[in-house]
Amino acid sequence: TMTVAHLVFALTTTAYILIAIQLEEGDLVRALGTTY
């Protein structure tokens, strides 16, 4: 059962996760270079 509130939660957290991955991987590339 997907309610409007649940959809808002799922969409917002999905967007956050995609942004967080870019931030995290940017840190890892700067720290580890070609390894990561």
ModelCIF file with pLDDT and N, C-alpha, C, O atoms, coordinates in Angstrom:
data_MODEL
#
_entry.id   MODEL 
#
_entity.id                         1 
_entity.type                       polymer 
_entity.pdbx_number_of_molecules   1 
#
_entity_poly.entity_id                      1 
_entity_poly.type                           'polypeptide(L)' 
_entity_poly.nstd_linkage                   no 
_entity_poly.nstd_monomer                   no 
_entity_poly.pdbx_seq_one_letter_code       TMTVAHLVFALTTTAYILIAIQLEEGDLVRALGTTY 
_entity_poly.pdbx_seq_one_letter_code_can   TMTVAHLVFALTTTAYILIAIQLEEGDLVRALGTTY 
_entity_poly.pdbx_strand_id                 A 
#
loop_
_entity_poly_seq.entity_id 
_entity_poly_seq.num 
_entity_poly_seq.mon_id 
_entity_poly_seq.hetero 
1 1  THR n 
1 2  MET n 
1 3  THR n 
1 4  VAL n 
1 5  ALA n 
1 6  HIS n 
1 7  LEU n 
1 8  VAL n 
1 9  PHE n 
1 10 ALA n 
1 11 LEU n 
1 12 THR n 
1 13 THR n 
1 14 THR n 
1 15 ALA n 
1 16 TYR n 
1 17 ILE n 
1 18 LEU n 
1 19 ILE n 
1 20 ALA n 
1 21 ILE n 
1 22 GLN n 
1 23 LEU n 
1 24 GLU n 
1 25 GLU n 
1 26 GLY n 
1 27 ASP n 
1 28 LEU n 
1 29 VAL n 
1 30 ARG n 
1 31 ALA n 
1 32 LEU n 
1 33 GLY n 
1 34 THR n 
1 35 THR n 
1 36 TYR n 
#
_struct_asym.id          A 
_struct_asym.entity_id   1 
#
loop_
_ma_qa_metric.id 
_ma_qa_metric.mode 
_ma_qa_metric.name 
_ma_qa_metric.software_group_id 
_ma_qa_metric.type 
1 global pLDDT . pLDDT 
2 local  pLDDT . pLDDT 
#
_ma_qa_metric_global.metric_id      1 
_ma_qa_metric_global.metric_value   90.83 
_ma_qa_metric_global.model_id       1 
_ma_qa_metric_global.ordinal_id     1 
#
loop_
_ma_qa_metric_local.label_asym_id 
_ma_qa_metric_local.label_comp_id 
_ma_qa_metric_local.label_seq_id 
_ma_qa_metric_local.metric_id 
_ma_qa_metric_local.metric_value 
_ma_qa_metric_local.model_id 
_ma_qa_metric_local.ordinal_id 
A THR 1  2 94.00 1 1  
A MET 2  2 96.00 1 2  
A THR 3  2 95.00 1 3  
A VAL 4  2 96.00 1 4  
A ALA 5  2 95.00 1 5  
A HIS 6  2 96.00 1 6  
A LEU 7  2 97.00 1 7  
A VAL 8  2 96.00 1 8  
A PHE 9  2 96.00 1 9  
A ALA 10 2 97.00 1 10 
A LEU 11 2 97.00 1 11 
A THR 12 2 96.00 1 12 
A THR 13 2 96.00 1 13 
A THR 14 2 97.00 1 14 
A ALA 15 2 96.00 1 15 
A TYR 16 2 95.00 1 16 
A ILE 17 2 95.00 1 17 
A LEU 18 2 95.00 1 18 
A ILE 19 2 94.00 1 19 
A ALA 20 2 93.00 1 20 
A ILE 21 2 94.00 1 21 
A GLN 22 2 92.00 1 22 
A LEU 23 2 91.00 1 23 
A GLU 24 2 89.00 1 24 
A GLU 25 2 90.00 1 25 
A GLY 26 2 88.00 1 26 
A ASP 27 2 86.00 1 27 
A LEU 28 2 84.00 1 28 
A VAL 29 2 85.00 1 29 
A ARG 30 2 84.00 1 30 
A ALA 31 2 78.00 1 31 
A LEU 32 2 74.00 1 32 
A GLY 33 2 81.00 1 33 
A THR 34 2 81.00 1 34 
A THR 35 2 79.00 1 35 
A TYR 36 2 82.00 1 36 
#
loop_
_atom_site.group_PDB 
_atom_site.id 
_atom_site.type_symbol 
_atom_site.label_atom_id 
_atom_site.label_alt_id 
_atom_site.label_comp_id 
_atom_site.label_asym_id 
_atom_site.label_entity_id 
_atom_site.label_seq_id 
_atom_site.pdbx_PDB_ins_code 
_atom_site.Cartn_x 
_atom_site.Cartn_y 
_atom_site.Cartn_z 
_atom_site.occupancy 
_atom_site.B_iso_or_equiv 
_atom_site.pdbx_formal_charge 
_atom_site.auth_seq_id 
_atom_site.auth_comp_id 
_atom_site.auth_asym_id 
_atom_site.auth_atom_id 
_atom_site.pdbx_PDB_model_num 
ATOM 1   N N  . THR A 1 1  ? 0.850  -1.192 0.000  1.00 94.00 ? 1  THR A N  1 
ATOM 2   C CA . THR A 1 1  ? 0.000  0.000  0.000  1.00 94.00 ? 1  THR A CA 1 
ATOM 3   C C  . THR A 1 1  ? 0.885  1.241  0.000  1.00 94.00 ? 1  THR A C  1 
ATOM 4   O O  . THR A 1 1  ? 1.540  1.562  0.992  1.00 94.00 ? 1  THR A O  1 
ATOM 5   N N  . MET A 1 2  ? 0.887  1.924  -1.130 1.00 96.00 ? 2  MET A N  1 
ATOM 6   C CA . MET A 1 2  ? 1.693  3.141  -1.262 1.00 96.00 ? 2  MET A CA 1 
ATOM 7   C C  . MET A 1 2  ? 0.788  4.351  -1.100 1.00 96.00 ? 2  MET A C  1 
ATOM 8   O O  . MET A 1 2  ? -0.023 4.655  -1.974 1.00 96.00 ? 2  MET A O  1 
ATOM 9   N N  . THR A 1 3  ? 0.934  5.032  0.018  1.00 95.00 ? 3  THR A N  1 
ATOM 10  C CA . THR A 1 3  ? 0.174  6.254  0.263  1.00 95.00 ? 3  THR A CA 1 
ATOM 11  C C  . THR A 1 3  ? 0.941  7.466  -0.263 1.00 95.00 ? 3  THR A C  1 
ATOM 12  O O  . THR A 1 3  ? 2.097  7.355  -0.670 1.00 95.00 ? 3  THR A O  1 
ATOM 13  N N  . VAL A 1 4  ? 0.289  8.609  -0.248 1.00 96.00 ? 4  VAL A N  1 
ATOM 14  C CA . VAL A 1 4  ? 0.963  9.840  -0.684 1.00 96.00 ? 4  VAL A CA 1 
ATOM 15  C C  . VAL A 1 4  ? 2.139  10.158 0.236  1.00 96.00 ? 4  VAL A C  1 
ATOM 16  O O  . VAL A 1 4  ? 3.212  10.531 -0.238 1.00 96.00 ? 4  VAL A O  1 
ATOM 17  N N  . ALA A 1 5  ? 1.943  10.014 1.546  1.00 95.00 ? 5  ALA A N  1 
ATOM 18  C CA . ALA A 1 5  ? 3.030  10.289 2.489  1.00 95.00 ? 5  ALA A CA 1 
ATOM 19  C C  . ALA A 1 5  ? 4.202  9.345  2.260  1.00 95.00 ? 5  ALA A C  1 
ATOM 20  O O  . ALA A 1 5  ? 5.357  9.768  2.284  1.00 95.00 ? 5  ALA A O  1 
ATOM 21  N N  . HIS A 1 6  ? 3.908  8.073  2.039  1.00 96.00 ? 6  HIS A N  1 
ATOM 22  C CA . HIS A 1 6  ? 4.971  7.097  1.787  1.00 96.00 ? 6  HIS A CA 1 
ATOM 23  C C  . HIS A 1 6  ? 5.689  7.431  0.482  1.00 96.00 ? 6  HIS A C  1 
ATOM 24  O O  . HIS A 1 6  ? 6.911  7.312  0.393  1.00 96.00 ? 6  HIS A O  1 
ATOM 25  N N  . LEU A 1 7  ? 4.925  7.850  -0.531 1.00 97.00 ? 7  LEU A N  1 
ATOM 26  C CA . LEU A 1 7  ? 5.542  8.215  -1.806 1.00 97.00 ? 7  LEU A CA 1 
ATOM 27  C C  . LEU A 1 7  ? 6.465  9.419  -1.644 1.00 97.00 ? 7  LEU A C  1 
ATOM 28  O O  . LEU A 1 7  ? 7.562  9.437  -2.202 1.00 97.00 ? 7  LEU A O  1 
ATOM 29  N N  . VAL A 1 8  ? 6.030  10.425 -0.884 1.00 96.00 ? 8  VAL A N  1 
ATOM 30  C CA . VAL A 1 8  ? 6.887  11.588 -0.621 1.00 96.00 ? 8  VAL A CA 1 
ATOM 31  C C  . VAL A 1 8  ? 8.176  11.139 0.057  1.00 96.00 ? 8  VAL A C  1 
ATOM 32  O O  . VAL A 1 8  ? 9.266  11.580 -0.308 1.00 96.00 ? 8  VAL A O  1 
ATOM 33  N N  . PHE A 1 9  ? 8.042  10.254 1.050  1.00 96.00 ? 9  PHE A N  1 
ATOM 34  C CA . PHE A 1 9  ? 9.211  9.731  1.746  1.00 96.00 ? 9  PHE A CA 1 
ATOM 35  C C  . PHE A 1 9  ? 10.132 8.990  0.779  1.00 96.00 ? 9  PHE A C  1 
ATOM 36  O O  . PHE A 1 9  ? 11.338 9.233  0.760  1.00 96.00 ? 9  PHE A O  1 
ATOM 37  N N  . ALA A 1 10 ? 9.562  8.082  -0.030 1.00 97.00 ? 10 ALA A N  1 
ATOM 38  C CA . ALA A 1 10 ? 10.371 7.265  -0.932 1.00 97.00 ? 10 ALA A CA 1 
ATOM 39  C C  . ALA A 1 10 ? 11.057 8.114  -2.003 1.00 97.00 ? 10 ALA A C  1 
ATOM 40  O O  . ALA A 1 10 ? 12.236 7.911  -2.293 1.00 97.00 ? 10 ALA A O  1 
ATOM 41  N N  . LEU A 1 11 ? 10.325 9.066  -2.592 1.00 97.00 ? 11 LEU A N  1 
ATOM 42  C CA . LEU A 1 11 ? 10.914 9.912  -3.635 1.00 97.00 ? 11 LEU A CA 1 
ATOM 43  C C  . LEU A 1 11 ? 12.026 10.797 -3.072 1.00 97.00 ? 11 LEU A C  1 
ATOM 44  O O  . LEU A 1 11 ? 13.091 10.929 -3.676 1.00 97.00 ? 11 LEU A O  1 
ATOM 45  N N  . THR A 1 12 ? 11.773 11.392 -1.926 1.00 96.00 ? 12 THR A N  1 
ATOM 46  C CA . THR A 1 12 ? 12.758 12.304 -1.339 1.00 96.00 ? 12 THR A CA 1 
ATOM 47  C C  . THR A 1 12 ? 14.011 11.551 -0.913 1.00 96.00 ? 12 THR A C  1 
ATOM 48  O O  . THR A 1 12 ? 15.125 12.013 -1.162 1.00 96.00 ? 12 THR A O  1 
ATOM 49  N N  . THR A 1 13 ? 13.842 10.390 -0.268 1.00 96.00 ? 13 THR A N  1 
ATOM 50  C CA . THR A 1 13 ? 15.010 9.626  0.166  1.00 96.00 ? 13 THR A CA 1 
ATOM 51  C C  . THR A 1 13 ? 15.775 9.046  -1.024 1.00 96.00 ? 13 THR A C  1 
ATOM 52  O O  . THR A 1 13 ? 16.998 8.919  -0.968 1.00 96.00 ? 13 THR A O  1 
ATOM 53  N N  . THR A 1 14 ? 15.071 8.694  -2.093 1.00 97.00 ? 14 THR A N  1 
ATOM 54  C CA . THR A 1 14 ? 15.756 8.216  -3.299 1.00 97.00 ? 14 THR A CA 1 
ATOM 55  C C  . THR A 1 14 ? 16.618 9.322  -3.892 1.00 97.00 ? 14 THR A C  1 
ATOM 56  O O  . THR A 1 14 ? 17.773 9.093  -4.253 1.00 97.00 ? 14 THR A O  1 
ATOM 57  N N  . ALA A 1 15 ? 16.052 10.526 -3.991 1.00 96.00 ? 15 ALA A N  1 
ATOM 58  C CA . ALA A 1 15 ? 16.836 11.656 -4.503 1.00 96.00 ? 15 ALA A CA 1 
ATOM 59  C C  . ALA A 1 15 ? 18.041 11.918 -3.616 1.00 96.00 ? 15 ALA A C  1 
ATOM 60  O O  . ALA A 1 15 ? 19.140 12.171 -4.110 1.00 96.00 ? 15 ALA A O  1 
ATOM 61  N N  . TYR A 1 16 ? 17.833 11.859 -2.301 1.00 95.00 ? 16 TYR A N  1 
ATOM 62  C CA . TYR A 1 16 ? 18.942 12.078 -1.374 1.00 95.00 ? 16 TYR A CA 1 
ATOM 63  C C  . TYR A 1 16 ? 20.029 11.023 -1.558 1.00 95.00 ? 16 TYR A C  1 
ATOM 64  O O  . TYR A 1 16 ? 21.214 11.356 -1.584 1.00 95.00 ? 16 TYR A O  1 
ATOM 65  N N  . ILE A 1 17 ? 19.641 9.760  -1.686 1.00 95.00 ? 17 ILE A N  1 
ATOM 66  C CA . ILE A 1 17 ? 20.617 8.682  -1.852 1.00 95.00 ? 17 ILE A CA 1 
ATOM 67  C C  . ILE A 1 17 ? 21.450 8.894  -3.110 1.00 95.00 ? 17 ILE A C  1 
ATOM 68  O O  . ILE A 1 17 ? 22.667 8.709  -3.082 1.00 95.00 ? 17 ILE A O  1 
ATOM 69  N N  . LEU A 1 18 ? 20.815 9.277  -4.206 1.00 95.00 ? 18 LEU A N  1 
ATOM 70  C CA . LEU A 1 18 ? 21.555 9.498  -5.448 1.00 95.00 ? 18 LEU A CA 1 
ATOM 71  C C  . LEU A 1 18 ? 22.543 10.658 -5.307 1.00 95.00 ? 18 LEU A C  1 
ATOM 72  O O  . LEU A 1 18 ? 23.649 10.601 -5.845 1.00 95.00 ? 18 LEU A O  1 
ATOM 73  N N  . ILE A 1 19 ? 22.147 11.703 -4.589 1.00 94.00 ? 19 ILE A N  1 
ATOM 74  C CA . ILE A 1 19 ? 23.064 12.822 -4.345 1.00 94.00 ? 19 ILE A CA 1 
ATOM 75  C C  . ILE A 1 19 ? 24.175 12.402 -3.392 1.00 94.00 ? 19 ILE A C  1 
ATOM 76  O O  . ILE A 1 19 ? 25.340 12.736 -3.607 1.00 94.00 ? 19 ILE A O  1 
ATOM 77  N N  . ALA A 1 20 ? 23.817 11.666 -2.334 1.00 93.00 ? 20 ALA A N  1 
ATOM 78  C CA . ALA A 1 20 ? 24.811 11.228 -1.348 1.00 93.00 ? 20 ALA A CA 1 
ATOM 79  C C  . ALA A 1 20 ? 25.871 10.348 -1.985 1.00 93.00 ? 20 ALA A C  1 
ATOM 80  O O  . ALA A 1 20 ? 27.046 10.432 -1.629 1.00 93.00 ? 20 ALA A O  1 
ATOM 81  N N  . ILE A 1 21 ? 25.463 9.504  -2.927 1.00 94.00 ? 21 ILE A N  1 
ATOM 82  C CA . ILE A 1 21 ? 26.431 8.645  -3.605 1.00 94.00 ? 21 ILE A CA 1 
ATOM 83  C C  . ILE A 1 21 ? 27.457 9.481  -4.357 1.00 94.00 ? 21 ILE A C  1 
ATOM 84  O O  . ILE A 1 21 ? 28.651 9.181  -4.321 1.00 94.00 ? 21 ILE A O  1 
ATOM 85  N N  . GLN A 1 22 ? 26.998 10.528 -5.037 1.00 92.00 ? 22 GLN A N  1 
ATOM 86  C CA . GLN A 1 22 ? 27.927 11.376 -5.770 1.00 92.00 ? 22 GLN A CA 1 
ATOM 87  C C  . GLN A 1 22 ? 28.911 12.066 -4.823 1.00 92.00 ? 22 GLN A C  1 
ATOM 88  O O  . GLN A 1 22 ? 30.102 12.163 -5.122 1.00 92.00 ? 22 GLN A O  1 
ATOM 89  N N  . LEU A 1 23 ? 28.414 12.542 -3.689 1.00 91.00 ? 23 LEU A N  1 
ATOM 90  C CA . LEU A 1 23 ? 29.293 13.185 -2.710 1.00 91.00 ? 23 LEU A CA 1 
ATOM 91  C C  . LEU A 1 23 ? 30.293 12.188 -2.144 1.00 91.00 ? 23 LEU A C  1 
ATOM 92  O O  . LEU A 1 23 ? 31.482 12.489 -2.046 1.00 91.00 ? 23 LEU A O  1 
ATOM 93  N N  . GLU A 1 24 ? 29.822 11.009 -1.772 1.00 89.00 ? 24 GLU A N  1 
ATOM 94  C CA . GLU A 1 24 ? 30.697 9.994  -1.191 1.00 89.00 ? 24 GLU A CA 1 
ATOM 95  C C  . GLU A 1 24 ? 31.758 9.550  -2.180 1.00 89.00 ? 24 GLU A C  1 
ATOM 96  O O  . GLU A 1 24 ? 32.933 9.437  -1.833 1.00 89.00 ? 24 GLU A O  1 
ATOM 97  N N  . GLU A 1 25 ? 31.337 9.298  -3.421 1.00 90.00 ? 25 GLU A N  1 
ATOM 98  C CA . GLU A 1 25 ? 32.305 8.809  -4.407 1.00 90.00 ? 25 GLU A CA 1 
ATOM 99  C C  . GLU A 1 25 ? 33.295 9.902  -4.797 1.00 90.00 ? 25 GLU A C  1 
ATOM 100 O O  . GLU A 1 25 ? 34.444 9.610  -5.127 1.00 90.00 ? 25 GLU A O  1 
ATOM 101 N N  . GLY A 1 26 ? 32.855 11.155 -4.761 1.00 88.00 ? 26 GLY A N  1 
ATOM 102 C CA . GLY A 1 26 ? 33.803 12.244 -4.995 1.00 88.00 ? 26 GLY A CA 1 
ATOM 103 C C  . GLY A 1 26 ? 34.902 12.240 -3.938 1.00 88.00 ? 26 GLY A C  1 
ATOM 104 O O  . GLY A 1 26 ? 36.076 12.424 -4.257 1.00 88.00 ? 26 GLY A O  1 
ATOM 105 N N  . ASP A 1 27 ? 34.516 12.029 -2.668 1.00 86.00 ? 27 ASP A N  1 
ATOM 106 C CA . ASP A 1 27 ? 35.499 11.953 -1.584 1.00 86.00 ? 27 ASP A CA 1 
ATOM 107 C C  . ASP A 1 27 ? 36.446 10.764 -1.791 1.00 86.00 ? 27 ASP A C  1 
ATOM 108 O O  . ASP A 1 27 ? 37.653 10.873 -1.575 1.00 86.00 ? 27 ASP A O  1 
ATOM 109 N N  . LEU A 1 28 ? 35.885 9.642  -2.209 1.00 84.00 ? 28 LEU A N  1 
ATOM 110 C CA . LEU A 1 28 ? 36.699 8.435  -2.383 1.00 84.00 ? 28 LEU A CA 1 
ATOM 111 C C  . LEU A 1 28 ? 37.675 8.576  -3.550 1.00 84.00 ? 28 LEU A C  1 
ATOM 112 O O  . LEU A 1 28 ? 38.820 8.132  -3.460 1.00 84.00 ? 28 LEU A O  1 
ATOM 113 N N  . VAL A 1 29 ? 37.232 9.181  -4.625 1.00 85.00 ? 29 VAL A N  1 
ATOM 114 C CA . VAL A 1 29 ? 38.131 9.384  -5.760 1.00 85.00 ? 29 VAL A CA 1 
ATOM 115 C C  . VAL A 1 29 ? 39.267 10.332 -5.379 1.00 85.00 ? 29 VAL A C  1 
ATOM 116 O O  . VAL A 1 29 ? 40.421 10.105 -5.743 1.00 85.00 ? 29 VAL A O  1 
ATOM 117 N N  . ARG A 1 30 ? 38.932 11.398 -4.642 1.00 84.00 ? 30 ARG A N  1 
ATOM 118 C CA . ARG A 1 30 ? 39.982 12.322 -4.209 1.00 84.00 ? 30 ARG A CA 1 
ATOM 119 C C  . ARG A 1 30 ? 40.957 11.651 -3.245 1.00 84.00 ? 30 ARG A C  1 
ATOM 120 O O  . ARG A 1 30 ? 42.151 11.950 -3.256 1.00 84.00 ? 30 ARG A O  1 
ATOM 121 N N  . ALA A 1 31 ? 40.450 10.749 -2.418 1.00 78.00 ? 31 ALA A N  1 
ATOM 122 C CA . ALA A 1 31 ? 41.315 10.086 -1.437 1.00 78.00 ? 31 ALA A CA 1 
ATOM 123 C C  . ALA A 1 31 ? 42.126 8.949  -2.052 1.00 78.00 ? 31 ALA A C  1 
ATOM 124 O O  . ALA A 1 31 ? 43.275 8.729  -1.669 1.00 78.00 ? 31 ALA A O  1 
ATOM 125 N N  . LEU A 1 32 ? 41.533 8.226  -3.002 1.00 74.00 ? 32 LEU A N  1 
ATOM 126 C CA . LEU A 1 32 ? 42.160 6.992  -3.492 1.00 74.00 ? 32 LEU A CA 1 
ATOM 127 C C  . LEU A 1 32 ? 42.567 7.025  -4.958 1.00 74.00 ? 32 LEU A C  1 
ATOM 128 O O  . LEU A 1 32 ? 43.260 6.124  -5.428 1.00 74.00 ? 32 LEU A O  1 
ATOM 129 N N  . GLY A 1 33 ? 42.146 8.047  -5.679 1.00 81.00 ? 33 GLY A N  1 
ATOM 130 C CA . GLY A 1 33 ? 42.553 8.197  -7.068 1.00 81.00 ? 33 GLY A CA 1 
ATOM 131 C C  . GLY A 1 33 ? 42.112 7.038  -7.946 1.00 81.00 ? 33 GLY A C  1 
ATOM 132 O O  . GLY A 1 33 ? 40.949 6.634  -7.928 1.00 81.00 ? 33 GLY A O  1 
ATOM 133 N N  . THR A 1 34 ? 43.065 6.504  -8.721 1.00 81.00 ? 34 THR A N  1 
ATOM 134 C CA . THR A 1 34 ? 42.746 5.459  -9.692 1.00 81.00 ? 34 THR A CA 1 
ATOM 135 C C  . THR A 1 34 ? 42.285 4.165  -9.034 1.00 81.00 ? 34 THR A C  1 
ATOM 136 O O  . THR A 1 34 ? 41.621 3.353  -9.679 1.00 81.00 ? 34 THR A O  1 
ATOM 137 N N  . THR A 1 35 ? 42.622 3.958  -7.770 1.00 79.00 ? 35 THR A N  1 
ATOM 138 C CA . THR A 1 35 ? 42.189 2.747  -7.068 1.00 79.00 ? 35 THR A CA 1 
ATOM 139 C C  . THR A 1 35 ? 40.674 2.657  -7.043 1.00 79.00 ? 35 THR A C  1 
ATOM 140 O O  . THR A 1 35 ? 40.092 1.636  -7.407 1.00 79.00 ? 35 THR A O  1 
ATOM 141 N N  . TYR A 1 36 ? 40.039 3.752  -6.602 1.00 82.00 ? 36 TYR A N  1 
ATOM 142 C CA . TYR A 1 36 ? 38.578 3.725  -6.564 1.00 82.00 ? 36 TYR A CA 1 
ATOM 143 C C  . TYR A 1 36 ? 37.983 3.885  -7.960 1.00 82.00 ? 36 TYR A C  1 
ATOM 144 O O  . TYR A 1 36 ? 36.762 3.885  -8.115 1.00 82.00 ? 36 TYR A O  1 
#
